[in-house]
Protein backbone atom coordinates (compact mmCIF):
# COMPACT_ATOMS: atom_id res chain seq x y z
CA MET A 1 -130.34 -89.07 -161.14
CA LYS A 2 -133.58 -89.86 -162.98
CA LYS A 3 -131.72 -90.48 -166.24
CA ARG A 4 -129.15 -92.61 -164.46
CA ILE A 5 -131.82 -94.85 -162.95
CA TYR A 6 -133.68 -95.03 -166.27
CA TYR A 7 -130.59 -95.92 -168.27
CA SER A 8 -129.54 -98.44 -165.59
CA LEU A 9 -132.87 -100.25 -165.89
CA ILE A 10 -132.74 -100.25 -169.70
CA GLY A 11 -129.14 -101.47 -169.61
CA LEU A 12 -130.05 -104.21 -167.16
CA ALA A 13 -132.93 -105.37 -169.37
CA LEU A 14 -130.73 -105.33 -172.48
CA ALA A 15 -127.99 -107.28 -170.68
CA CYS A 16 -130.50 -109.85 -169.47
CA VAL A 17 -131.93 -110.30 -172.98
CA LEU A 18 -128.48 -110.73 -174.51
CA ILE A 19 -127.35 -113.19 -171.84
CA LEU A 20 -130.59 -115.13 -172.17
CA SER A 21 -130.18 -115.24 -175.97
CA VAL A 22 -126.64 -116.60 -175.67
CA LEU A 23 -127.62 -119.19 -173.08
CA LEU A 24 -130.61 -120.36 -175.09
CA SER A 25 -128.47 -120.57 -178.20
CA LEU A 26 -125.96 -122.71 -176.35
CA LEU A 27 -128.72 -124.92 -175.01
CA PHE A 28 -130.32 -125.22 -178.43
CA HIS A 29 -126.95 -126.05 -179.93
CA ARG A 30 -126.28 -128.72 -177.33
CA ALA A 31 -129.72 -130.27 -177.68
CA ALA A 32 -129.59 -130.21 -181.49
CA LYS A 33 -126.12 -131.65 -181.46
CA ASP A 34 -127.08 -134.50 -179.10
CA GLN A 35 -130.16 -135.20 -181.16
CA GLU A 36 -128.16 -135.18 -184.40
CA LEU A 37 -125.50 -137.50 -183.00
CA ALA A 38 -128.15 -139.90 -181.76
CA ALA A 39 -129.84 -139.94 -185.18
CA ILE A 40 -126.53 -140.69 -186.95
CA LYS A 41 -125.81 -143.47 -184.48
CA ASP A 42 -129.26 -145.03 -184.94
CA TYR A 43 -128.89 -144.72 -188.71
CA ALA A 44 -125.49 -146.46 -188.63
CA ILE A 45 -126.87 -149.35 -186.55
CA ALA A 46 -129.85 -149.74 -188.84
CA VAL A 47 -127.72 -149.84 -191.98
CA SER A 48 -125.28 -152.33 -190.39
CA GLU A 49 -128.13 -154.65 -189.49
CA LEU A 50 -129.38 -154.51 -193.07
CA VAL A 51 -125.92 -155.30 -194.42
CA ASP A 52 -125.37 -158.15 -191.93
CA SER A 53 -128.74 -159.67 -192.71
CA GLY A 54 -127.89 -159.70 -196.38
CA VAL A 55 -130.98 -157.74 -197.18
CA THR A 56 -129.53 -155.22 -199.56
CA GLY A 57 -132.25 -155.34 -202.13
CA ASP A 58 -132.30 -152.09 -204.01
CA PHE A 59 -129.97 -150.38 -201.52
CA HIS A 60 -127.15 -148.66 -203.38
CA PHE A 61 -124.58 -146.23 -201.96
CA SER A 62 -124.94 -144.20 -205.07
CA ASP A 63 -128.44 -143.28 -203.96
CA TYR A 64 -126.93 -141.30 -201.15
CA TYR A 65 -124.52 -139.20 -203.13
CA GLY A 66 -125.08 -135.60 -202.46
CA THR A 67 -123.32 -132.27 -202.31
CA SER A 68 -125.08 -130.85 -199.28
CA PRO A 69 -122.85 -130.49 -196.20
CA ALA A 70 -125.67 -132.11 -194.23
CA ALA A 71 -125.80 -135.23 -196.48
CA ILE A 72 -124.95 -138.54 -194.77
CA ARG A 73 -121.65 -140.10 -195.74
CA LEU A 74 -121.40 -143.91 -195.79
CA THR A 75 -118.04 -145.64 -195.86
CA ILE A 76 -117.03 -149.34 -195.65
CA VAL A 77 -113.48 -150.01 -194.50
CA SER A 78 -111.71 -153.36 -194.47
CA PRO A 79 -109.92 -154.59 -191.33
CA ASP A 80 -106.61 -153.49 -192.75
CA GLY A 81 -107.85 -149.93 -193.22
CA THR A 82 -108.49 -150.01 -196.95
CA VAL A 83 -111.55 -148.04 -198.00
CA LEU A 84 -113.82 -150.33 -199.92
CA LEU A 85 -116.79 -148.10 -200.55
CA ASP A 86 -117.68 -144.41 -200.01
CA ASN A 87 -120.75 -142.58 -201.26
CA ARG A 88 -119.15 -139.10 -201.31
CA ALA A 89 -115.56 -139.66 -202.40
CA ALA A 90 -113.56 -141.81 -204.83
CA VAL A 91 -112.02 -144.69 -202.88
CA GLN A 92 -108.94 -144.71 -205.14
CA THR A 93 -107.89 -141.30 -203.80
CA MET A 94 -108.56 -142.04 -200.15
CA GLU A 95 -105.76 -142.96 -197.78
CA ASN A 96 -105.71 -145.89 -195.39
CA HIS A 97 -108.19 -145.48 -192.51
CA ALA A 98 -106.71 -147.95 -190.06
CA ASN A 99 -105.54 -145.09 -187.83
CA ARG A 100 -108.93 -143.42 -187.67
CA PRO A 101 -110.09 -143.48 -184.01
CA GLU A 102 -113.59 -144.65 -184.75
CA ILE A 103 -112.32 -147.42 -187.11
CA ALA A 104 -109.75 -148.69 -184.63
CA GLN A 105 -112.31 -148.59 -181.81
CA ALA A 106 -114.95 -150.47 -183.89
CA LEU A 107 -112.45 -153.23 -184.84
CA GLN A 108 -111.67 -153.69 -181.15
CA THR A 109 -115.05 -153.25 -179.44
CA GLY A 110 -117.58 -153.52 -182.24
CA ALA A 111 -118.47 -149.85 -182.33
CA GLY A 112 -116.63 -146.56 -182.25
CA GLU A 113 -117.28 -142.82 -182.60
CA SER A 114 -115.29 -139.66 -183.14
CA LEU A 115 -115.96 -135.92 -183.55
CA ARG A 116 -113.21 -134.15 -185.48
CA TYR A 117 -112.38 -131.84 -188.31
CA SER A 118 -112.36 -133.37 -191.74
CA GLU A 119 -109.70 -132.12 -194.11
CA THR A 120 -111.56 -133.80 -196.98
CA PHE A 121 -114.71 -131.72 -196.49
CA TRP A 122 -113.17 -128.85 -194.49
CA ASN A 123 -115.78 -129.10 -191.80
CA GLN A 124 -116.43 -130.66 -188.41
CA MET A 125 -117.75 -134.20 -188.83
CA TYR A 126 -119.26 -136.80 -186.53
CA TYR A 127 -118.17 -140.36 -187.28
CA TYR A 128 -119.87 -143.51 -186.00
CA ALA A 129 -118.47 -146.94 -186.99
CA VAL A 130 -119.99 -150.44 -186.55
CA ARG A 131 -118.11 -153.71 -187.18
CA LEU A 132 -120.01 -155.91 -189.60
CA ASP A 133 -120.27 -159.66 -189.37
CA ASP A 134 -117.83 -160.12 -192.26
CA GLY A 135 -115.16 -158.16 -190.32
CA ASN A 136 -115.46 -154.98 -192.34
CA VAL A 137 -116.42 -151.73 -190.67
CA LEU A 138 -119.41 -149.62 -191.68
CA ARG A 139 -118.85 -145.93 -190.89
CA VAL A 140 -121.59 -143.32 -191.03
CA SER A 141 -120.61 -139.64 -190.81
CA ARG A 142 -122.25 -136.28 -191.16
CA THR A 143 -121.37 -132.62 -190.84
CA VAL A 144 -122.24 -131.31 -187.39
CA GLY A 145 -123.56 -127.68 -187.27
CA GLY A 146 -121.52 -125.27 -185.09
CA ILE A 147 -122.71 -122.71 -182.61
CA ALA A 148 -122.44 -120.06 -185.33
CA ASP A 149 -125.00 -121.96 -187.36
CA VAL A 150 -127.33 -122.01 -184.42
CA PHE A 151 -126.81 -118.29 -183.90
CA ALA A 152 -127.46 -117.68 -187.59
CA VAL A 153 -130.78 -119.47 -187.25
CA THR A 154 -131.76 -117.88 -183.95
CA LEU A 155 -130.41 -114.36 -184.69
CA PRO A 156 -133.59 -112.95 -186.32
CA VAL A 157 -135.68 -114.37 -183.53
CA ALA A 158 -133.25 -113.01 -180.92
CA ILE A 159 -133.28 -109.56 -182.50
CA THR A 160 -137.07 -109.54 -182.60
CA ILE A 161 -137.30 -110.64 -178.99
CA THR A 162 -134.67 -108.08 -177.96
CA VAL A 163 -136.57 -105.22 -179.62
CA LEU A 164 -139.83 -106.29 -177.99
CA MET A 165 -138.13 -106.66 -174.62
CA LEU A 166 -136.54 -103.22 -174.94
CA LEU A 167 -139.90 -101.65 -175.75
CA ILE A 168 -141.46 -103.36 -172.78
CA ALA A 169 -138.43 -102.51 -170.61
CA ASN A 170 -138.58 -98.88 -171.70
CA SER A 171 -142.16 -98.58 -170.52
CA ILE A 172 -141.48 -100.44 -167.29
CA ALA A 173 -138.23 -98.52 -166.65
CA HIS A 174 -139.97 -95.20 -167.20
CA LYS A 175 -142.74 -96.06 -164.75
CA MET A 176 -140.36 -97.56 -162.21
CA THR A 177 -138.07 -94.52 -162.43
CA GLU A 178 -141.01 -92.19 -161.82
CA ARG A 179 -142.12 -94.28 -158.85
CA VAL A 180 -138.59 -94.41 -157.40
CA ILE A 181 -137.88 -90.72 -157.94
CA ALA A 182 -141.31 -89.34 -156.96
CA PRO A 183 -140.73 -89.57 -153.18
CA LEU A 184 -137.30 -87.94 -153.59
CA GLU A 185 -138.65 -85.09 -155.71
CA ASN A 186 -141.43 -84.40 -153.23
CA ILE A 187 -139.25 -84.45 -150.12
CA ASP A 188 -140.24 -81.81 -147.58
CA TYR A 189 -136.92 -81.05 -145.88
CA SER A 190 -138.70 -79.47 -142.98
CA GLY A 191 -139.52 -83.02 -141.92
CA GLU A 192 -143.29 -82.53 -141.93
CA ASN A 193 -145.76 -84.44 -144.14
CA THR A 194 -142.95 -86.21 -145.97
CA VAL A 195 -143.45 -89.64 -147.58
CA VAL A 196 -139.95 -90.87 -148.15
CA TYR A 197 -137.87 -94.02 -147.89
CA ASP A 198 -136.97 -95.00 -144.35
CA GLU A 199 -133.33 -95.28 -145.39
CA LEU A 200 -133.28 -91.56 -146.28
CA ILE A 201 -134.70 -90.27 -142.99
CA PRO A 202 -131.24 -90.00 -141.30
CA TYR A 203 -129.95 -88.08 -144.31
CA ILE A 204 -132.91 -85.71 -144.26
CA GLU A 205 -132.41 -85.11 -140.55
CA ASN A 206 -128.73 -84.44 -141.19
CA ILE A 207 -129.61 -82.08 -144.07
CA ASN A 208 -132.09 -80.22 -141.85
CA HIS A 209 -129.43 -79.85 -139.18
CA GLN A 210 -126.93 -78.57 -141.71
CA LYS A 211 -129.53 -76.18 -143.15
CA GLN A 212 -130.12 -74.76 -139.69
CA GLU A 213 -126.39 -74.32 -139.17
CA ILE A 214 -126.07 -72.67 -142.58
CA ARG A 215 -128.97 -70.30 -141.79
CA GLU A 216 -127.35 -69.35 -138.51
CA LYS A 217 -123.97 -68.81 -140.14
CA MET A 218 -125.54 -66.81 -142.98
CA ALA A 219 -127.37 -64.66 -140.46
CA GLU A 220 -124.11 -64.11 -138.60
CA LEU A 221 -122.29 -63.29 -141.85
CA GLU A 222 -125.04 -60.87 -142.87
CA ARG A 223 -124.88 -59.24 -139.46
CA ARG A 224 -121.12 -58.85 -139.72
CA ALA A 225 -121.39 -57.64 -143.31
CA ASP A 226 -123.98 -55.04 -142.29
CA MET A 227 -121.77 -53.97 -139.41
CA ILE A 228 -118.70 -53.68 -141.65
CA LYS A 229 -120.76 -51.85 -144.28
CA ALA A 230 -122.08 -49.44 -141.65
CA ILE A 231 -118.59 -48.84 -140.27
CA THR A 232 -116.92 -48.37 -143.64
CA GLY A 233 -119.87 -46.39 -144.98
CA ASN A 234 -119.55 -43.83 -142.18
CA MET A 235 -115.78 -43.60 -142.36
CA GLU A 236 -114.36 -40.26 -143.37
CA GLU A 237 -111.39 -42.13 -144.79
CA GLY A 238 -111.73 -43.72 -148.21
CA LEU A 239 -111.40 -47.51 -148.19
CA ILE A 240 -110.90 -49.69 -151.29
CA LEU A 241 -110.30 -53.44 -151.56
CA ILE A 242 -108.77 -54.78 -154.79
CA ASP A 243 -107.86 -58.28 -155.97
CA SER A 244 -104.59 -59.49 -157.46
CA GLU A 245 -105.62 -58.13 -160.88
CA ALA A 246 -106.29 -54.64 -159.40
CA LEU A 247 -110.05 -55.04 -159.86
CA THR A 248 -112.10 -53.22 -157.24
CA LEU A 249 -113.95 -55.61 -154.94
CA THR A 250 -115.53 -52.96 -152.73
CA ALA A 251 -115.22 -49.25 -152.07
CA ASN A 252 -116.94 -47.15 -149.42
CA ASN A 253 -118.76 -43.88 -150.08
CA SER A 254 -115.79 -41.73 -149.10
CA ALA A 255 -113.52 -43.48 -151.60
CA GLN A 256 -116.06 -43.04 -154.39
CA ASN A 257 -116.41 -39.37 -153.52
CA ILE A 258 -112.62 -38.94 -153.55
CA LEU A 259 -112.12 -40.60 -156.93
CA GLY A 260 -115.43 -39.38 -158.29
CA GLU A 261 -117.12 -42.51 -159.67
CA ASN A 262 -118.63 -45.90 -158.95
CA MET A 263 -115.66 -48.26 -158.87
CA GLU A 264 -117.17 -51.70 -158.31
CA HIS A 265 -115.62 -54.39 -160.56
CA LYS A 266 -113.46 -51.78 -162.33
CA ASN A 267 -109.69 -51.75 -162.58
CA ILE A 268 -108.27 -49.20 -160.13
CA MET A 269 -105.53 -48.41 -162.66
CA HIS A 270 -108.16 -47.22 -165.14
CA ILE A 271 -110.06 -45.23 -162.52
CA TYR A 272 -107.13 -43.14 -161.32
CA ARG A 273 -104.31 -42.83 -163.83
CA ASP A 274 -101.83 -40.95 -161.66
CA VAL A 275 -98.36 -42.38 -162.33
CA VAL A 276 -97.28 -42.31 -158.68
CA PHE A 277 -100.52 -44.00 -157.55
CA GLN A 278 -100.31 -46.72 -160.22
CA SER A 279 -96.69 -47.43 -159.31
CA ALA A 280 -97.68 -47.72 -155.65
CA VAL A 281 -100.48 -50.19 -156.51
CA LYS A 282 -98.04 -52.38 -158.47
CA GLN A 283 -95.56 -52.34 -155.58
CA CYS A 284 -98.30 -53.26 -153.14
CA LEU A 285 -99.55 -56.18 -155.27
CA ALA A 286 -95.92 -57.33 -155.37
CA GLY A 287 -96.07 -57.64 -151.55
CA GLU A 288 -94.78 -54.26 -150.29
CA LYS A 289 -96.43 -51.77 -147.98
CA VAL A 290 -96.51 -48.34 -149.58
CA GLU A 291 -97.39 -44.85 -148.38
CA ILE A 292 -97.79 -41.94 -150.80
CA GLN A 293 -99.48 -38.54 -150.99
CA ILE A 294 -101.75 -37.43 -153.80
CA GLU A 295 -103.70 -34.28 -154.61
CA ARG A 296 -107.31 -34.33 -155.75
CA GLY A 297 -108.72 -30.90 -156.43
CA ASP A 298 -108.00 -28.74 -153.40
CA LYS A 299 -107.48 -31.76 -151.16
CA ILE A 300 -104.30 -33.56 -150.15
CA TYR A 301 -104.57 -37.24 -149.20
CA SER A 302 -102.19 -39.63 -147.52
CA VAL A 303 -102.67 -43.00 -149.22
CA PHE A 304 -101.71 -46.19 -147.39
CA LEU A 305 -101.50 -49.40 -149.44
CA SER A 306 -101.19 -52.73 -147.65
CA PRO A 307 -100.98 -56.14 -149.40
CA VAL A 308 -103.35 -58.97 -148.43
CA ASN A 309 -101.14 -62.06 -148.31
CA SER A 310 -102.17 -65.70 -148.50
CA GLY A 311 -99.56 -68.43 -148.60
CA GLY A 312 -96.79 -65.90 -149.12
CA THR A 313 -98.47 -64.41 -152.20
CA ALA A 314 -100.32 -61.09 -152.43
CA ASN A 315 -103.91 -61.91 -153.41
CA GLY A 316 -105.07 -58.32 -153.21
CA ALA A 317 -104.58 -55.04 -151.40
CA ILE A 318 -106.27 -52.60 -149.02
CA ILE A 319 -106.06 -48.93 -150.02
CA LEU A 320 -106.84 -46.27 -147.42
CA PHE A 321 -107.25 -42.60 -148.31
CA GLN A 322 -106.82 -40.22 -145.36
CA ASP A 323 -107.55 -36.52 -145.75
CA ALA A 324 -104.33 -34.74 -144.82
CA THR A 325 -105.35 -31.30 -146.07
CA GLN A 326 -105.76 -29.74 -142.64
CA ARG A 327 -102.57 -31.33 -141.40
CA HIS A 328 -100.66 -29.93 -144.35
CA LYS A 329 -102.27 -26.54 -143.89
CA ALA A 330 -101.48 -26.64 -140.17
CA GLU A 331 -97.91 -27.64 -140.93
CA LYS A 332 -97.63 -24.84 -143.45
CA GLN A 333 -99.13 -22.37 -140.99
CA ARG A 334 -96.80 -23.63 -138.27
CA ARG A 335 -93.77 -23.05 -140.47
CA GLU A 336 -95.05 -19.64 -141.48
CA PHE A 337 -95.96 -18.83 -137.88
CA THR A 338 -92.53 -19.89 -136.65
CA ALA A 339 -90.84 -17.79 -139.31
CA ASN A 340 -93.08 -14.78 -138.61
CA VAL A 341 -92.73 -15.04 -134.83
CA SER A 342 -88.98 -15.30 -135.18
CA HIS A 343 -88.97 -12.23 -137.39
CA GLU A 344 -91.39 -10.24 -135.23
CA LEU A 345 -89.52 -11.07 -132.02
CA LYS A 346 -86.13 -10.44 -133.56
CA THR A 347 -86.95 -6.86 -134.63
CA PRO A 348 -87.79 -5.38 -131.18
CA LEU A 349 -85.16 -7.51 -129.45
CA THR A 350 -82.51 -6.29 -131.87
CA THR A 351 -83.57 -2.68 -131.24
CA ILE A 352 -83.60 -3.15 -127.45
CA SER A 353 -80.22 -4.92 -127.55
CA ALA A 354 -78.63 -2.22 -129.69
CA LEU A 355 -79.97 0.69 -127.61
CA SER A 356 -79.02 -0.99 -124.35
CA GLU A 357 -75.52 -1.70 -125.64
CA MET A 358 -75.11 1.92 -126.71
CA ILE A 359 -76.26 3.19 -123.30
CA GLY A 360 -74.06 0.68 -121.46
CA SER A 361 -70.97 1.55 -123.49
CA GLY A 362 -71.38 5.29 -122.81
CA MET A 363 -71.87 6.13 -126.42
CA VAL A 364 -75.13 7.98 -125.65
CA LYS A 365 -75.04 11.52 -124.38
CA ASP A 366 -76.69 12.24 -121.07
CA GLY A 367 -79.37 14.24 -122.78
CA ASP A 368 -80.26 11.38 -125.11
CA VAL A 369 -80.52 8.66 -122.46
CA LYS A 370 -84.13 9.53 -121.76
CA SER A 371 -85.14 9.24 -125.43
CA PHE A 372 -83.21 5.96 -125.77
CA ALA A 373 -84.94 4.60 -122.68
CA ALA A 374 -88.30 5.62 -124.15
CA ARG A 375 -87.51 3.73 -127.34
CA ILE A 376 -86.47 0.68 -125.31
CA THR A 377 -89.73 0.89 -123.38
CA GLU A 378 -91.67 1.20 -126.65
CA GLN A 379 -89.97 -1.87 -128.17
CA ALA A 380 -90.41 -3.82 -124.94
CA GLY A 381 -94.11 -2.95 -124.98
CA ARG A 382 -94.34 -4.10 -128.57
CA LEU A 383 -92.55 -7.30 -127.63
CA LEU A 384 -94.89 -7.90 -124.68
CA ALA A 385 -97.95 -7.21 -126.85
CA LEU A 386 -96.69 -9.70 -129.43
CA ILE A 387 -96.00 -12.34 -126.80
CA ASP A 388 -99.42 -11.73 -125.24
CA ASP A 389 -101.12 -12.15 -128.63
CA ILE A 390 -99.17 -15.34 -129.33
CA ILE A 391 -100.15 -16.73 -125.94
CA ARG A 392 -103.77 -15.85 -126.61
CA LEU A 393 -103.75 -17.64 -130.00
CA SER A 394 -102.08 -20.66 -128.43
CA GLU A 395 -104.85 -20.82 -125.84
CA PHE A 396 -107.45 -20.90 -128.60
CA ASP A 397 -105.52 -23.50 -130.58
CA GLU A 398 -105.14 -25.78 -127.59
CA GLY A 399 -108.64 -25.16 -126.21
CA GLY A 400 -107.23 -23.54 -123.08
CA VAL A 401 -109.62 -20.57 -123.01
CA GLN A 402 -111.65 -20.59 -119.83
CA LYS A 403 -115.33 -21.41 -120.21
CA GLU A 404 -116.38 -19.13 -117.34
CA SER A 405 -118.89 -16.40 -118.14
CA THR A 406 -120.38 -13.43 -116.35
CA VAL A 407 -123.36 -11.21 -117.08
CA PHE A 408 -122.40 -7.71 -118.12
CA GLU A 409 -123.68 -4.90 -120.27
CA LEU A 410 -121.96 -4.90 -123.65
CA TRP A 411 -122.40 -1.12 -124.10
CA GLU A 412 -120.52 -0.35 -120.89
CA LEU A 413 -117.72 -2.75 -121.87
CA ALA A 414 -117.40 -0.98 -125.21
CA GLU A 415 -117.13 2.40 -123.47
CA THR A 416 -114.42 0.96 -121.20
CA VAL A 417 -112.45 -0.23 -124.24
CA ILE A 418 -112.89 3.02 -126.18
CA GLY A 419 -111.70 5.24 -123.29
CA PRO A 420 -107.97 4.32 -123.30
CA LEU A 421 -107.92 4.20 -127.10
CA LEU A 422 -109.01 7.83 -127.41
CA ASP A 423 -105.50 8.89 -126.48
CA ASN A 424 -104.21 7.07 -129.59
CA ALA A 425 -107.03 8.46 -131.71
CA ALA A 426 -106.24 12.18 -131.46
CA LYS A 427 -106.94 12.64 -135.16
CA VAL A 428 -109.75 10.04 -135.40
CA ARG A 429 -113.28 10.25 -133.98
CA ILE A 430 -114.94 7.24 -132.35
CA GLN A 431 -118.69 6.91 -132.01
CA LEU A 432 -120.68 4.20 -130.22
CA MET A 433 -124.18 3.46 -131.41
CA GLY A 434 -126.83 0.76 -131.35
CA GLU A 435 -128.65 -0.89 -128.44
CA ARG A 436 -127.97 -1.43 -124.77
CA PHE A 437 -128.31 -5.03 -123.61
CA SER A 438 -126.68 -7.49 -121.24
CA VAL A 439 -124.84 -10.63 -122.29
CA SER A 440 -123.47 -13.70 -120.53
CA ALA A 441 -119.93 -14.35 -121.73
CA ASN A 442 -116.26 -14.25 -120.84
CA ARG A 443 -115.76 -10.51 -120.25
CA ARG A 444 -112.02 -10.57 -120.88
CA ILE A 445 -112.43 -12.30 -124.26
CA ILE A 446 -115.14 -9.91 -125.48
CA ASP A 447 -112.98 -7.03 -124.24
CA GLU A 448 -110.12 -8.30 -126.38
CA LEU A 449 -112.37 -8.68 -129.42
CA LEU A 450 -113.61 -5.07 -129.13
CA TYR A 451 -110.11 -3.77 -128.47
CA ASN A 452 -108.59 -5.41 -131.56
CA LEU A 453 -111.41 -4.27 -133.85
CA ILE A 454 -111.42 -0.67 -132.63
CA ASP A 455 -107.59 -0.50 -132.49
CA ASN A 456 -107.39 -1.68 -136.13
CA GLY A 457 -110.02 0.91 -137.10
CA ILE A 458 -107.87 3.65 -135.57
CA LYS A 459 -104.50 2.45 -136.90
CA TYR A 460 -105.60 2.09 -140.51
CA ASN A 461 -107.79 5.22 -140.64
CA ARG A 462 -107.13 8.60 -142.15
CA SER A 463 -106.50 11.77 -140.29
CA GLY A 464 -109.90 13.15 -139.29
CA GLY A 465 -111.52 9.81 -140.04
CA LEU A 466 -114.35 8.13 -138.14
CA VAL A 467 -114.56 4.79 -136.33
CA THR A 468 -118.12 3.60 -135.71
CA VAL A 469 -118.87 0.88 -133.17
CA GLU A 470 -122.40 -0.52 -133.50
CA LEU A 471 -123.94 -3.01 -131.06
CA LYS A 472 -127.23 -4.68 -131.90
CA ARG A 473 -129.28 -7.62 -130.71
CA GLU A 474 -130.02 -10.22 -133.42
CA GLY A 475 -132.68 -12.54 -132.05
CA GLY A 476 -132.67 -14.29 -128.72
CA GLU A 477 -129.02 -15.41 -128.39
CA LEU A 478 -127.20 -13.67 -131.25
CA CYS A 479 -125.61 -10.28 -130.99
CA ARG A 480 -123.88 -8.25 -133.68
CA ILE A 481 -120.70 -6.27 -133.10
CA SER A 482 -119.79 -4.10 -136.06
CA VAL A 483 -116.76 -1.78 -136.32
CA SER A 484 -116.45 0.48 -139.36
CA ASP A 485 -113.75 2.94 -140.33
CA THR A 486 -113.20 5.45 -143.12
CA GLY A 487 -109.59 4.47 -143.64
CA ILE A 488 -107.46 3.16 -146.45
CA GLY A 489 -109.51 0.02 -147.04
CA ILE A 490 -108.36 -3.41 -148.20
CA PRO A 491 -108.11 -4.48 -151.86
CA SER A 492 -110.58 -7.27 -152.70
CA GLN A 493 -107.84 -9.78 -153.59
CA TYR A 494 -106.64 -9.71 -149.97
CA HIS A 495 -110.01 -10.17 -148.25
CA ASP A 496 -109.53 -13.94 -147.76
CA ARG A 497 -106.09 -13.54 -146.17
CA VAL A 498 -106.46 -10.68 -143.69
CA PHE A 499 -107.49 -13.11 -140.96
CA GLU A 500 -104.28 -15.14 -141.33
CA ARG A 501 -101.65 -14.76 -138.63
CA PHE A 502 -99.02 -12.10 -139.26
CA TYR A 503 -100.55 -11.26 -142.64
CA ARG A 504 -100.36 -7.57 -143.50
CA VAL A 505 -101.65 -5.93 -146.65
CA ASP A 506 -99.33 -2.91 -146.27
CA LYS A 507 -96.26 -4.03 -144.32
CA SER A 508 -94.66 -0.60 -144.29
CA ARG A 509 -97.76 0.98 -142.71
CA SER A 510 -98.06 -1.89 -140.25
CA LYS A 511 -94.53 -1.32 -139.03
CA LYS A 512 -95.24 2.40 -138.79
CA VAL A 513 -98.38 1.97 -136.66
CA GLY A 514 -96.83 -0.89 -134.66
CA GLY A 515 -99.28 -3.72 -135.35
CA THR A 516 -98.38 -7.34 -134.67
CA GLY A 517 -100.47 -8.77 -137.51
CA LEU A 518 -102.39 -11.00 -135.08
CA GLY A 519 -105.35 -8.78 -134.19
CA LEU A 520 -107.86 -9.99 -136.79
CA SER A 521 -106.70 -13.57 -136.35
CA ILE A 522 -107.52 -13.30 -132.62
CA VAL A 523 -110.90 -11.73 -133.47
CA LYS A 524 -111.70 -14.65 -135.79
CA HIS A 525 -110.77 -17.21 -133.12
CA ILE A 526 -112.95 -15.48 -130.52
CA THR A 527 -115.90 -15.39 -132.93
CA GLU A 528 -115.52 -19.10 -133.73
CA TYR A 529 -115.15 -19.83 -130.02
CA TYR A 530 -118.70 -18.50 -129.57
CA ASN A 531 -119.96 -20.48 -132.60
CA GLY A 532 -120.38 -17.30 -134.59
CA ARG A 533 -119.25 -15.96 -137.93
CA ILE A 534 -117.22 -12.99 -139.09
CA GLU A 535 -117.79 -10.84 -142.17
CA LEU A 536 -115.53 -8.35 -143.91
CA GLN A 537 -116.64 -5.52 -146.16
CA SER A 538 -113.93 -3.28 -147.49
CA LYS A 539 -113.14 -1.16 -150.49
CA GLU A 540 -109.74 0.28 -151.22
CA GLY A 541 -109.61 4.02 -150.40
CA THR A 542 -113.08 4.02 -148.81
CA GLY A 543 -112.94 2.10 -145.57
CA THR A 544 -113.49 -1.24 -143.88
CA THR A 545 -116.31 -2.79 -141.85
CA VAL A 546 -115.73 -5.91 -139.77
CA THR A 547 -118.88 -7.53 -138.35
CA CYS A 548 -118.91 -10.34 -135.78
CA TYR A 549 -122.03 -12.37 -135.05
CA ILE A 550 -121.59 -14.25 -131.79
CA LYS A 551 -123.87 -16.23 -129.53
CA CYS A 552 -123.96 -14.47 -126.20
CA HIS A 553 -126.55 -15.92 -123.83
CA SER A 554 -128.37 -13.20 -121.93
């Protein structure tokens, strides 16, 4: 703005100087021309008076011969137009002048004038003619200077004046620009202590109003941005926004953890080079919604890609990573559980069906009916135990276990559990050791935990082996239940899987002892129900120790 004002002032001064120079030149030309014409006219009258008075004396036309364009030309023309005398041309070569305007006018009125171009001297001439007393016409003429001649004379002066005026204008323009701009540069937009032009006050008030609106909107945008950042930052799902060129605009912490690097302003195609993922990104940027699954390490993610459309064109995309590992594991466990349940239920049902059919068809001798009925009862008991265990696991899965608790002595409960199991432990000894203390818990659930641990210790023990049940208080709310056996043990490669449903290390032995494969899984669920942890120590051929740490409020 400062330069514009400065250059405007300089341009205005230059224009004024040029216009003034042209006008003065025109005025000078007009004044000089009028003065020159008047001098020629006076000269013609003076010469005619001399000729009429007969006072010629030493006056000779030859004295006025000259080659200068400004030299005066004298010509005497007879009434018939014949040139009698001329001081600048040979009369023999001159044509008749009767048709010359100034000659014709002088013959009629006594005097005549004309301003025209002379083909003889190739210049503009002024002619003034006076009729003499003898009837001849005296004509005086002279070259008249044009405007170009005036400009040629005044040009150096004009240039000098122009330079001086520009120097003066430069100084004045600089100072005027500073004075004009100073109030604008020192504007206090708060409206206080501001010296400014009155015409700008409405604009300043409008600017202040707009500034206030902008501040409010910026504050609102910052608040929303902080809210969005807080929401996306705490999301477990990974969220990425990309533009139409697949450059990452923003990515939350979860997304960066999933893909393992800072992604801002990087091409998502270069960050994760999986072929399926890159194809999905291209489809999404083409305007399609896409859903895929990818694996990163030990995690499985469902990836949802949605285009961001504007005017019918995808200007970017939203990519959402959702951890589907547990869902996939649960689905896998469900399929395995369904297959295992079907198998486990089918075996006793098939046995019961076959034995019942044989008894009903009379194929069984009377003496064998009792043994067949015993086998049916055994398989039915196995079936009921399996169904009961499945129901128990379902209760834990669905959170249907009752929260009620009673105060009881854990030692007495252990003795109650051990009693019935002694009949199945004819070749195994069971010892109870540790501390006596009371706990506040669901008695039935703790009973089931003890039963499954001790029953497993008996089933997978050796003949003459020992099962040790140890109860101990661990701090104010934690109690330790440890069951050890001297049985066959579990190979180390199976330690992580023994708590899975229906998993058996030795399937042939499990079928022989009649286990359902759900005991340790139930124990694990009960321990987790009480916010505890379970530990397994086992060595093949030596024995196994299962320890449960559970929070039982006393």
